[in-house]
Amino acid sequence: MFPFRKILFPVDYSAPCEAVIPYLREIAQRFSASITLVHAYALEELAHSELALTDPELADEVRTFGEERLRKFALEKFPGQQVDTSTALGEAGSVIHNFVQHQGTDLVMLATHGRGPIRRFLLGSVAAKVLHDVSAAVWTGTAAILTNHTPQIPYRSVLCALDESEEAEGVLRFAAAFSTRYEAHLSLVQVVEMPPPTVEMDYSPYKKDILDAADVRLRELKGRVGVEAPHAVLDATVSDGVREEAVRRKADLIVLGRGRAQGTFRMLSHVYPVIRESPCPVLSI
């Protein structure tokens, strides 16, 4: 997976999608990685063409239209650069997953289009499916972050968010190698989300001991990996704590694990709100 050699860029022609391009160009150049653009099309795309709904060769016509549109996009956005293109009929998340499974890639880069009243807990359905299903690293950011801010590249400050899982050591090693490649400042954060007090149990009297124990474990992890980087242990919700530290460290990128080693939804339930609340893009492995 690292260093990145093959990057997959899902294209939906939206403004957030186009906002990913500067980040994509930079990371592809830094790692001498190949780029493949993938577009998932549906028969509804017929509305963008002059085809008639009654055309008996509808599927072939729509596929041809989609392929041509993607090739034009590649020529326009990546002039003079060798970029592969791929189109497939189907739901975008499934198309991306199938491509990674059968063609292989090290990194998927996409924007998330989360919508709805409970924005804190939602990601776009495509981004959520990719984060859950895909084995490759995933770089993503919210539409607001990508379209309303000047790209902060090359990265100069990387924040690695860790937990107490078995995955933490691998995440830290990745973050250290990535930061070294960019000559970026690396900092670490671990958020300890204390349970709310209940009639049966109130953890408040033990908060300092719990935070101190987490600090000791984090120092031991740094020693095992051989990483010298400042760290913080915070008492907060995971998304709030990571955001707070990212702002304090002026992070250009957050690196975190997706719980792939555990194969559980619990880790992803933290990853989703972290991405929604992050002040910068997030690279999850």
C-alpha atoms as a PDB file:
ATOM      1  CA  MET A   1       0.000   0.000   0.000  1.00  0.00           C
ATOM      2  CA  PHE A   2       2.811   2.436   0.796  1.00  0.00           C
ATOM      3  CA  PRO A   3       4.538   4.078  -0.909  1.00  0.00           C
ATOM      4  CA  PHE A   4       1.585   4.731  -3.185  1.00  0.00           C
ATOM      5  CA  ARG A   5       2.036   3.485  -6.749  1.00  0.00           C
ATOM      6  CA  LYS A   6      -1.548   3.341  -8.048  1.00  0.00           C
ATOM      7  CA  ILE A   7      -4.165   5.989  -7.293  1.00  0.00           C
ATOM      8  CA  LEU A   8      -7.852   5.700  -8.102  1.00  0.00           C
ATOM      9  CA  PHE A   9      -9.866   8.899  -8.549  1.00  0.00           C
ATOM     10  CA  PRO A  10     -13.669   8.482  -8.727  1.00  0.00           C
ATOM     11  CA  VAL A  11     -15.151  11.216 -10.935  1.00  0.00           C
ATOM     12  CA  ASP A  12     -18.696  12.554 -10.641  1.00  0.00           C
ATOM     13  CA  TYR A  13     -18.018  15.949 -12.294  1.00  0.00           C
ATOM     14  CA  SER A  14     -19.099  17.893  -9.202  1.00  0.00           C
ATOM     15  CA  ALA A  15     -17.290  20.940  -7.776  1.00  0.00           C
ATOM     16  CA  PRO A  16     -15.992  18.965  -4.738  1.00  0.00           C
ATOM     17  CA  CYS A  17     -14.709  16.276  -7.098  1.00  0.00           C
ATOM     18  CA  GLU A  18     -12.765  18.845  -9.110  1.00  0.00           C
ATOM     19  CA  ALA A  19     -11.433  20.367  -5.869  1.00  0.00           C
ATOM     20  CA  VAL A  20      -9.626  17.070  -5.165  1.00  0.00           C
ATOM     21  CA  ILE A  21      -7.541  17.398  -8.348  1.00  0.00           C
ATOM     22  CA  PRO A  22      -4.735  19.641  -6.964  1.00  0.00           C
ATOM     23  CA  TYR A  23      -4.217  17.201  -4.082  1.00  0.00           C
ATOM     24  CA  LEU A  24      -4.289  14.289  -6.504  1.00  0.00           C
ATOM     25  CA  ARG A  25      -1.735  15.820  -8.863  1.00  0.00           C
ATOM     26  CA  GLU A  26       0.622  16.610  -5.991  1.00  0.00           C
ATOM     27  CA  ILE A  27       0.577  13.204  -4.340  1.00  0.00           C
ATOM     28  CA  ALA A  28       0.834  11.381  -7.682  1.00  0.00           C
ATOM     29  CA  GLN A  29       3.886  13.442  -8.599  1.00  0.00           C
ATOM     30  CA  ARG A  30       5.536  12.967  -5.210  1.00  0.00           C
ATOM     31  CA  PHE A  31       5.187   9.174  -5.323  1.00  0.00           C
ATOM     32  CA  SER A  32       5.495   8.772  -9.103  1.00  0.00           C
ATOM     33  CA  ALA A  33       2.124   7.045  -8.963  1.00  0.00           C
ATOM     34  CA  SER A  34      -0.182   6.200 -11.855  1.00  0.00           C
ATOM     35  CA  ILE A  35      -3.672   7.707 -11.915  1.00  0.00           C
ATOM     36  CA  THR A  36      -6.876   6.015 -12.996  1.00  0.00           C
ATOM     37  CA  LEU A  37     -10.119   7.956 -13.282  1.00  0.00           C
ATOM     38  CA  VAL A  38     -13.239   5.873 -12.731  1.00  0.00           C
ATOM     39  CA  HIS A  39     -16.811   6.918 -13.391  1.00  0.00           C
ATOM     40  CA  ALA A  40     -19.906   4.962 -12.428  1.00  0.00           C
ATOM     41  CA  TYR A  41     -22.724   5.709 -14.838  1.00  0.00           C
ATOM     42  CA  ALA A  42     -26.410   4.935 -14.830  1.00  0.00           C
ATOM     43  CA  LEU A  43     -29.039   4.912 -17.548  1.00  0.00           C
ATOM     44  CA  GLU A  44     -30.293   8.201 -16.084  1.00  0.00           C
ATOM     45  CA  GLU A  45     -27.261   9.856 -17.677  1.00  0.00           C
ATOM     46  CA  LEU A  46     -29.182   9.649 -20.902  1.00  0.00           C
ATOM     47  CA  ALA A  47     -30.619  13.023 -19.906  1.00  0.00           C
ATOM     48  CA  HIS A  48     -27.245  14.576 -20.734  1.00  0.00           C
ATOM     49  CA  SER A  49     -27.233  13.220 -24.283  1.00  0.00           C
ATOM     50  CA  GLU A  50     -29.494  13.428 -27.300  1.00  0.00           C
ATOM     51  CA  LEU A  51     -30.409   9.758 -27.206  1.00  0.00           C
ATOM     52  CA  ALA A  52     -34.017   8.700 -27.219  1.00  0.00           C
ATOM     53  CA  LEU A  53     -35.330   6.680 -24.314  1.00  0.00           C
ATOM     54  CA  THR A  54     -36.716   4.124 -26.752  1.00  0.00           C
ATOM     55  CA  ASP A  55     -33.328   3.418 -28.372  1.00  0.00           C
ATOM     56  CA  PRO A  56     -32.934  -0.389 -28.358  1.00  0.00           C
ATOM     57  CA  GLU A  57     -29.164   0.003 -27.978  1.00  0.00           C
ATOM     58  CA  LEU A  58     -29.548   2.308 -24.991  1.00  0.00           C
ATOM     59  CA  ALA A  59     -26.985   0.654 -22.729  1.00  0.00           C
ATOM     60  CA  ASP A  60     -24.225   0.732 -25.347  1.00  0.00           C
ATOM     61  CA  GLU A  61     -25.010   4.327 -26.265  1.00  0.00           C
ATOM     62  CA  VAL A  62     -24.921   5.483 -22.650  1.00  0.00           C
ATOM     63  CA  ARG A  63     -21.667   3.609 -22.042  1.00  0.00           C
ATOM     64  CA  THR A  64     -20.085   5.223 -25.084  1.00  0.00           C
ATOM     65  CA  PHE A  65     -21.313   8.641 -23.986  1.00  0.00           C
ATOM     66  CA  GLY A  66     -19.894   8.095 -20.486  1.00  0.00           C
ATOM     67  CA  GLU A  67     -16.530   6.921 -21.781  1.00  0.00           C
ATOM     68  CA  GLU A  68     -16.178   9.913 -24.099  1.00  0.00           C
ATOM     69  CA  ARG A  69     -17.141  12.361 -21.377  1.00  0.00           C
ATOM     70  CA  LEU A  70     -14.553  10.884 -18.998  1.00  0.00           C
ATOM     71  CA  ARG A  71     -11.818  10.992 -21.663  1.00  0.00           C
ATOM     72  CA  LYS A  72     -12.565  14.670 -22.305  1.00  0.00           C
ATOM     73  CA  PHE A  73     -12.443  15.351 -18.571  1.00  0.00           C
ATOM     74  CA  ALA A  74      -9.040  13.639 -18.333  1.00  0.00           C
ATOM     75  CA  LEU A  75      -7.647  15.675 -21.244  1.00  0.00           C
ATOM     76  CA  GLU A  76      -8.944  18.916 -19.775  1.00  0.00           C
ATOM     77  CA  LYS A  77      -7.911  18.393 -16.151  1.00  0.00           C
ATOM     78  CA  PHE A  78      -4.662  16.478 -16.705  1.00  0.00           C
ATOM     79  CA  PRO A  79      -3.171  18.029 -19.870  1.00  0.00           C
ATOM     80  CA  GLY A  80      -0.006  16.352 -21.093  1.00  0.00           C
ATOM     81  CA  GLN A  81      -0.249  13.651 -18.412  1.00  0.00           C
ATOM     82  CA  GLN A  82      -0.804   9.928 -18.884  1.00  0.00           C
ATOM     83  CA  VAL A  83      -4.070   9.135 -17.125  1.00  0.00           C
ATOM     84  CA  ASP A  84      -6.087   5.927 -17.482  1.00  0.00           C
ATOM     85  CA  THR A  85      -9.883   5.998 -17.540  1.00  0.00           C
ATOM     86  CA  SER A  86     -12.495   3.399 -16.660  1.00  0.00           C
ATOM     87  CA  THR A  87     -16.288   3.478 -16.702  1.00  0.00           C
ATOM     88  CA  ALA A  88     -18.802   0.960 -15.415  1.00  0.00           C
ATOM     89  CA  LEU A  89     -22.547   0.694 -15.043  1.00  0.00           C
ATOM     90  CA  GLY A  90     -23.663   0.606 -11.431  1.00  0.00           C
ATOM     91  CA  GLU A  91     -23.772   2.320  -8.073  1.00  0.00           C
ATOM     92  CA  ALA A  92     -20.573   4.335  -7.504  1.00  0.00           C
ATOM     93  CA  GLY A  93     -19.512   2.703  -4.235  1.00  0.00           C
ATOM     94  CA  SER A  94     -19.855  -0.781  -5.699  1.00  0.00           C
ATOM     95  CA  VAL A  95     -18.023   0.199  -8.882  1.00  0.00           C
ATOM     96  CA  ILE A  96     -15.096   1.572  -6.846  1.00  0.00           C
ATOM     97  CA  HIS A  97     -15.023  -1.516  -4.637  1.00  0.00           C
ATOM     98  CA  ASN A  98     -15.040  -3.862  -7.627  1.00  0.00           C
ATOM     99  CA  PHE A  99     -12.268  -1.902  -9.330  1.00  0.00           C
ATOM    100  CA  VAL A 100     -10.043  -2.085  -6.239  1.00  0.00           C
ATOM    101  CA  GLN A 101     -10.728  -5.804  -5.873  1.00  0.00           C
ATOM    102  CA  HIS A 102     -10.003  -6.734  -9.472  1.00  0.00           C
ATOM    103  CA  GLN A 103      -7.609  -4.046 -10.727  1.00  0.00           C
ATOM    104  CA  GLY A 104      -5.869  -3.137  -7.492  1.00  0.00           C
ATOM    105  CA  THR A 105      -4.991   0.297  -6.136  1.00  0.00           C
ATOM    106  CA  ASP A 106      -3.062   1.716  -3.199  1.00  0.00           C
ATOM    107  CA  LEU A 107      -5.064   4.880  -2.629  1.00  0.00           C
ATOM    108  CA  VAL A 108      -8.580   6.115  -3.388  1.00  0.00           C
ATOM    109  CA  MET A 109      -9.062   9.900  -3.385  1.00  0.00           C
ATOM    110  CA  LEU A 110     -12.565  11.362  -3.282  1.00  0.00           C
ATOM    111  CA  ALA A 111     -14.738  14.047  -1.756  1.00  0.00           C
ATOM    112  CA  THR A 112     -17.681  13.249   0.477  1.00  0.00           C
ATOM    113  CA  HIS A 113     -21.095  14.744  -0.239  1.00  0.00           C
ATOM    114  CA  GLY A 114     -22.801  14.216   3.117  1.00  0.00           C
ATOM    115  CA  ARG A 115     -26.280  15.739   3.210  1.00  0.00           C
ATOM    116  CA  GLY A 116     -29.124  15.731   5.658  1.00  0.00           C
ATOM    117  CA  PRO A 117     -30.150  17.284   8.982  1.00  0.00           C
ATOM    118  CA  ILE A 118     -27.868  15.143  11.154  1.00  0.00           C
ATOM    119  CA  ARG A 119     -24.730  16.260   9.313  1.00  0.00           C
ATOM    120  CA  ARG A 120     -22.459  15.469  12.259  1.00  0.00           C
ATOM    121  CA  PHE A 121     -23.087  11.757  11.828  1.00  0.00           C
ATOM    122  CA  LEU A 122     -23.463  11.503   8.054  1.00  0.00           C
ATOM    123  CA  LEU A 123     -21.097  11.064   5.171  1.00  0.00           C
ATOM    124  CA  GLY A 124     -22.007  10.794   1.561  1.00  0.00           C
ATOM    125  CA  SER A 125     -23.203   7.254   0.885  1.00  0.00           C
ATOM    126  CA  VAL A 126     -20.416   6.640  -1.645  1.00  0.00           C
ATOM    127  CA  ALA A 127     -17.659   7.767   0.730  1.00  0.00           C
ATOM    128  CA  ALA A 128     -19.163   5.731   3.573  1.00  0.00           C
ATOM    129  CA  LYS A 129     -19.312   2.592   1.433  1.00  0.00           C
ATOM    130  CA  VAL A 130     -15.742   3.073   0.208  1.00  0.00           C
ATOM    131  CA  LEU A 131     -14.447   3.593   3.744  1.00  0.00           C
ATOM    132  CA  HIS A 132     -16.265   0.468   4.910  1.00  0.00           C
ATOM    133  CA  ASP A 133     -15.580  -1.870   2.002  1.00  0.00           C
ATOM    134  CA  VAL A 134     -12.319  -0.910   0.326  1.00  0.00           C
ATOM    135  CA  SER A 135      -9.007  -2.355   1.501  1.00  0.00           C
ATOM    136  CA  ALA A 136      -6.893   0.479   0.060  1.00  0.00           C
ATOM    137  CA  ALA A 137      -6.036   3.702   1.857  1.00  0.00           C
ATOM    138  CA  VAL A 138      -8.720   6.372   1.424  1.00  0.00           C
ATOM    139  CA  TRP A 139      -8.100  10.117   1.207  1.00  0.00           C
ATOM    140  CA  THR A 140     -11.221  12.218   1.616  1.00  0.00           C
ATOM    141  CA  GLY A 141     -12.554  15.530   2.817  1.00  0.00           C
ATOM    142  CA  THR A 142     -15.876  17.295   3.064  1.00  0.00           C
ATOM    143  CA  ALA A 143     -17.131  19.389   0.187  1.00  0.00           C
ATOM    144  CA  ALA A 144     -16.885  22.555   2.295  1.00  0.00           C
ATOM    145  CA  ILE A 145     -13.246  21.959   3.199  1.00  0.00           C
ATOM    146  CA  LEU A 146     -12.219  21.121  -0.344  1.00  0.00           C
ATOM    147  CA  THR A 147     -14.080  23.878  -2.168  1.00  0.00           C
ATOM    148  CA  ASN A 148     -13.799  26.761   0.311  1.00  0.00           C
ATOM    149  CA  HIS A 149     -10.120  26.521   1.235  1.00  0.00           C
ATOM    150  CA  THR A 150      -6.877  26.915  -0.678  1.00  0.00           C
ATOM    151  CA  PRO A 151      -5.221  23.478  -0.916  1.00  0.00           C
ATOM    152  CA  GLN A 152      -2.612  23.147   1.821  1.00  0.00           C
ATOM    153  CA  ILE A 153      -0.050  21.192  -0.180  1.00  0.00           C
ATOM    154  CA  PRO A 154       2.583  19.997   0.055  1.00  0.00           C
ATOM    155  CA  TYR A 155       1.709  18.890   3.565  1.00  0.00           C
ATOM    156  CA  ARG A 156       3.750  20.548   6.295  1.00  0.00           C
ATOM    157  CA  SER A 157       1.858  19.398   9.386  1.00  0.00           C
ATOM    158  CA  VAL A 158       0.426  15.885   9.775  1.00  0.00           C
ATOM    159  CA  LEU A 159      -1.665  14.816  12.764  1.00  0.00           C
ATOM    160  CA  CYS A 160      -1.898  11.093  13.502  1.00  0.00           C
ATOM    161  CA  ALA A 161      -4.977  10.104  15.519  1.00  0.00           C
ATOM    162  CA  LEU A 162      -4.453   6.899  17.488  1.00  0.00           C
ATOM    163  CA  ASP A 163      -6.469   4.630  19.744  1.00  0.00           C
ATOM    164  CA  GLU A 164      -5.664   1.613  21.884  1.00  0.00           C
ATOM    165  CA  SER A 165      -6.357  -1.023  19.254  1.00  0.00           C
ATOM    166  CA  GLU A 166      -3.847  -3.456  17.780  1.00  0.00           C
ATOM    167  CA  GLU A 167      -3.951  -1.333  14.644  1.00  0.00           C
ATOM    168  CA  ALA A 168      -2.360   1.687  16.351  1.00  0.00           C
ATOM    169  CA  GLU A 169       1.250   0.628  15.782  1.00  0.00           C
ATOM    170  CA  GLY A 170       0.731   0.133  12.050  1.00  0.00           C
ATOM    171  CA  VAL A 171      -1.061   3.482  11.774  1.00  0.00           C
ATOM    172  CA  LEU A 172       1.787   5.243  13.581  1.00  0.00           C
ATOM    173  CA  ARG A 173       4.414   3.603  11.366  1.00  0.00           C
ATOM    174  CA  PHE A 174       2.499   4.680   8.280  1.00  0.00           C
ATOM    175  CA  ALA A 175       2.078   8.254   9.538  1.00  0.00           C
ATOM    176  CA  ALA A 176       5.785   8.474  10.382  1.00  0.00           C
ATOM    177  CA  ALA A 177       6.831   7.214   6.938  1.00  0.00           C
ATOM    178  CA  PHE A 178       4.354   9.510   5.193  1.00  0.00           C
ATOM    179  CA  SER A 179       5.503  12.550   7.182  1.00  0.00           C
ATOM    180  CA  THR A 180       9.142  11.760   6.474  1.00  0.00           C
ATOM    181  CA  ARG A 181       8.414  11.604   2.753  1.00  0.00           C
ATOM    182  CA  TYR A 182       6.916  15.084   2.957  1.00  0.00           C
ATOM    183  CA  GLU A 183       9.439  16.404   5.487  1.00  0.00           C
ATOM    184  CA  ALA A 184       6.346  17.376   7.461  1.00  0.00           C
ATOM    185  CA  HIS A 185       5.974  17.943  11.184  1.00  0.00           C
ATOM    186  CA  LEU A 186       4.266  14.929  12.788  1.00  0.00           C
ATOM    187  CA  SER A 187       2.159  15.156  15.942  1.00  0.00           C
ATOM    188  CA  LEU A 188      -0.014  12.565  17.656  1.00  0.00           C
ATOM    189  CA  VAL A 189      -3.312  12.624  19.475  1.00  0.00           C
ATOM    190  CA  GLN A 190      -5.266  10.022  21.390  1.00  0.00           C
ATOM    191  CA  VAL A 191      -8.775  10.868  22.485  1.00  0.00           C
ATOM    192  CA  VAL A 192     -10.187   9.070  25.510  1.00  0.00           C
ATOM    193  CA  GLU A 193     -13.948   9.341  25.365  1.00  0.00           C
ATOM    194  CA  MET A 194     -15.024   8.968  28.977  1.00  0.00           C
ATOM    195  CA  PRO A 195     -18.375   7.242  29.536  1.00  0.00           C
ATOM    196  CA  PRO A 196     -21.093   9.574  30.850  1.00  0.00           C
ATOM    197  CA  PRO A 197     -21.812   9.168  34.563  1.00  0.00           C
ATOM    198  CA  THR A 198     -24.686   6.887  35.449  1.00  0.00           C
ATOM    199  CA  VAL A 199     -26.411   5.809  38.641  1.00  0.00           C
ATOM    200  CA  GLU A 200     -24.438   2.561  38.525  1.00  0.00           C
ATOM    201  CA  MET A 201     -21.004   4.026  37.739  1.00  0.00           C
ATOM    202  CA  ASP A 202     -19.348   7.435  37.662  1.00  0.00           C
ATOM    203  CA  TYR A 203     -15.868   7.409  36.111  1.00  0.00           C
ATOM    204  CA  SER A 204     -15.153  11.055  36.985  1.00  0.00           C
ATOM    205  CA  PRO A 205     -13.002  10.283  40.060  1.00  0.00           C
ATOM    206  CA  TYR A 206     -10.824   8.018  37.900  1.00  0.00           C
ATOM    207  CA  LYS A 207     -10.472  10.352  34.908  1.00  0.00           C
ATOM    208  CA  LYS A 208      -6.919  11.463  35.700  1.00  0.00           C
ATOM    209  CA  ASP A 209      -5.772   7.869  36.202  1.00  0.00           C
ATOM    210  CA  ILE A 210      -7.377   6.807  32.922  1.00  0.00           C
ATOM    211  CA  LEU A 211      -5.790   9.679  30.985  1.00  0.00           C
ATOM    212  CA  ASP A 212      -2.415   9.062  32.623  1.00  0.00           C
ATOM    213  CA  ALA A 213      -2.568   5.379  31.694  1.00  0.00           C
ATOM    214  CA  ALA A 214      -3.353   6.289  28.085  1.00  0.00           C
ATOM    215  CA  ASP A 215      -0.414   8.688  28.079  1.00  0.00           C
ATOM    216  CA  VAL A 216       1.935   5.949  29.327  1.00  0.00           C
ATOM    217  CA  ARG A 217       0.742   3.541  26.632  1.00  0.00           C
ATOM    218  CA  LEU A 218       1.209   6.179  23.952  1.00  0.00           C
ATOM    219  CA  ARG A 219       4.755   6.906  25.126  1.00  0.00           C
ATOM    220  CA  GLU A 220       5.517   3.175  25.072  1.00  0.00           C
ATOM    221  CA  LEU A 221       4.122   2.925  21.528  1.00  0.00           C
ATOM    222  CA  LYS A 222       6.310   5.799  20.374  1.00  0.00           C
ATOM    223  CA  GLY A 223       9.314   4.057  21.928  1.00  0.00           C
ATOM    224  CA  ARG A 224       8.571   0.759  20.161  1.00  0.00           C
ATOM    225  CA  VAL A 225       8.155   2.421  16.803  1.00  0.00           C
ATOM    226  CA  GLY A 226      11.077   4.770  17.302  1.00  0.00           C
ATOM    227  CA  VAL A 227       9.054   7.924  16.711  1.00  0.00           C
ATOM    228  CA  GLU A 228       9.858  11.199  18.392  1.00  0.00           C
ATOM    229  CA  ALA A 229       6.811  13.399  18.026  1.00  0.00           C
ATOM    230  CA  PRO A 230       4.776  15.577  20.378  1.00  0.00           C
ATOM    231  CA  HIS A 231       1.529  14.017  21.519  1.00  0.00           C
ATOM    232  CA  ALA A 232      -1.637  14.885  23.376  1.00  0.00           C
ATOM    233  CA  VAL A 233      -4.139  12.756  25.271  1.00  0.00           C
ATOM    234  CA  LEU A 234      -7.539  14.435  25.432  1.00  0.00           C
ATOM    235  CA  ASP A 235     -10.811  13.846  27.234  1.00  0.00           C
ATOM    236  CA  ALA A 236     -13.484  14.575  24.626  1.00  0.00           C
ATOM    237  CA  THR A 237     -15.605  12.950  21.978  1.00  0.00           C
ATOM    238  CA  VAL A 238     -13.320  11.509  19.324  1.00  0.00           C
ATOM    239  CA  SER A 239     -14.385  13.908  16.566  1.00  0.00           C
ATOM    240  CA  ASP A 240     -14.185  16.988  18.787  1.00  0.00           C
ATOM    241  CA  GLY A 241     -10.837  16.013  20.260  1.00  0.00           C
ATOM    242  CA  VAL A 242      -9.217  15.269  16.898  1.00  0.00           C
ATOM    243  CA  ARG A 243     -10.579  18.487  15.421  1.00  0.00           C
ATOM    244  CA  GLU A 244      -9.359  20.521  18.401  1.00  0.00           C
ATOM    245  CA  GLU A 245      -5.843  19.121  18.083  1.00  0.00           C
ATOM    246  CA  ALA A 246      -5.826  19.512  14.301  1.00  0.00           C
ATOM    247  CA  VAL A 247      -6.681  23.188  14.682  1.00  0.00           C
ATOM    248  CA  ARG A 248      -4.078  23.657  17.418  1.00  0.00           C
ATOM    249  CA  ARG A 249      -1.372  21.964  15.356  1.00  0.00           C
ATOM    250  CA  LYS A 250      -2.497  23.686  12.130  1.00  0.00           C
ATOM    251  CA  ALA A 251      -2.646  20.250  10.525  1.00  0.00           C
ATOM    252  CA  ASP A 252      -2.819  19.975   6.746  1.00  0.00           C
ATOM    253  CA  LEU A 253      -3.757  16.289   6.938  1.00  0.00           C
ATOM    254  CA  ILE A 254      -5.087  13.843   9.526  1.00  0.00           C
ATOM    255  CA  VAL A 255      -3.990  10.195   9.401  1.00  0.00           C
ATOM    256  CA  LEU A 256      -6.000   7.529  11.219  1.00  0.00           C
ATOM    257  CA  GLY A 257      -6.932   3.871  11.067  1.00  0.00           C
ATOM    258  CA  ARG A 258     -10.272   2.468   9.951  1.00  0.00           C
ATOM    259  CA  GLY A 259     -10.278  -0.587  12.200  1.00  0.00           C
ATOM    260  CA  ARG A 260      -9.530  -2.956   9.356  1.00  0.00           C
ATOM    261  CA  ALA A 261      -7.528  -5.226  11.664  1.00  0.00           C
ATOM    262  CA  GLN A 262     -10.541  -5.608  13.949  1.00  0.00           C
ATOM    263  CA  GLY A 263     -13.116  -5.743  11.165  1.00  0.00           C
ATOM    264  CA  THR A 264     -15.645  -3.947  13.350  1.00  0.00           C
ATOM    265  CA  PHE A 265     -18.056  -1.085  12.750  1.00  0.00           C
ATOM    266  CA  ARG A 266     -17.084   0.562  16.046  1.00  0.00           C
ATOM    267  CA  MET A 267     -13.939   2.104  14.621  1.00  0.00           C
ATOM    268  CA  LEU A 268     -15.756   3.360  11.545  1.00  0.00           C
ATOM    269  CA  SER A 269     -18.381   4.948  13.787  1.00  0.00           C
ATOM    270  CA  HIS A 270     -15.546   7.224  14.977  1.00  0.00           C
ATOM    271  CA  VAL A 271     -13.996   7.719  11.538  1.00  0.00           C
ATOM    272  CA  TYR A 272     -17.180   9.068   9.958  1.00  0.00           C
ATOM    273  CA  PRO A 273     -17.686  12.003  12.390  1.00  0.00           C
ATOM    274  CA  VAL A 274     -13.944  12.751  12.393  1.00  0.00           C
ATOM    275  CA  ILE A 275     -14.082  13.287   8.631  1.00  0.00           C
ATOM    276  CA  ARG A 276     -17.292  15.320   8.913  1.00  0.00           C
ATOM    277  CA  GLU A 277     -15.754  17.610  11.570  1.00  0.00           C
ATOM    278  CA  SER A 278     -12.171  17.740  10.298  1.00  0.00           C
ATOM    279  CA  PRO A 279     -10.717  21.130   9.302  1.00  0.00           C
ATOM    280  CA  CYS A 280      -8.527  19.392   6.706  1.00  0.00           C
ATOM    281  CA  PRO A 281      -8.530  16.247   4.522  1.00  0.00           C
ATOM    282  CA  VAL A 282      -8.263  12.839   6.211  1.00  0.00           C
ATOM    283  CA  LEU A 283      -6.173   9.886   5.070  1.00  0.00           C
ATOM    284  CA  SER A 284      -7.457   6.637   6.574  1.00  0.00           C
ATOM    285  CA  ILE A 285      -5.736   3.281   6.279  1.00  0.00           C
END
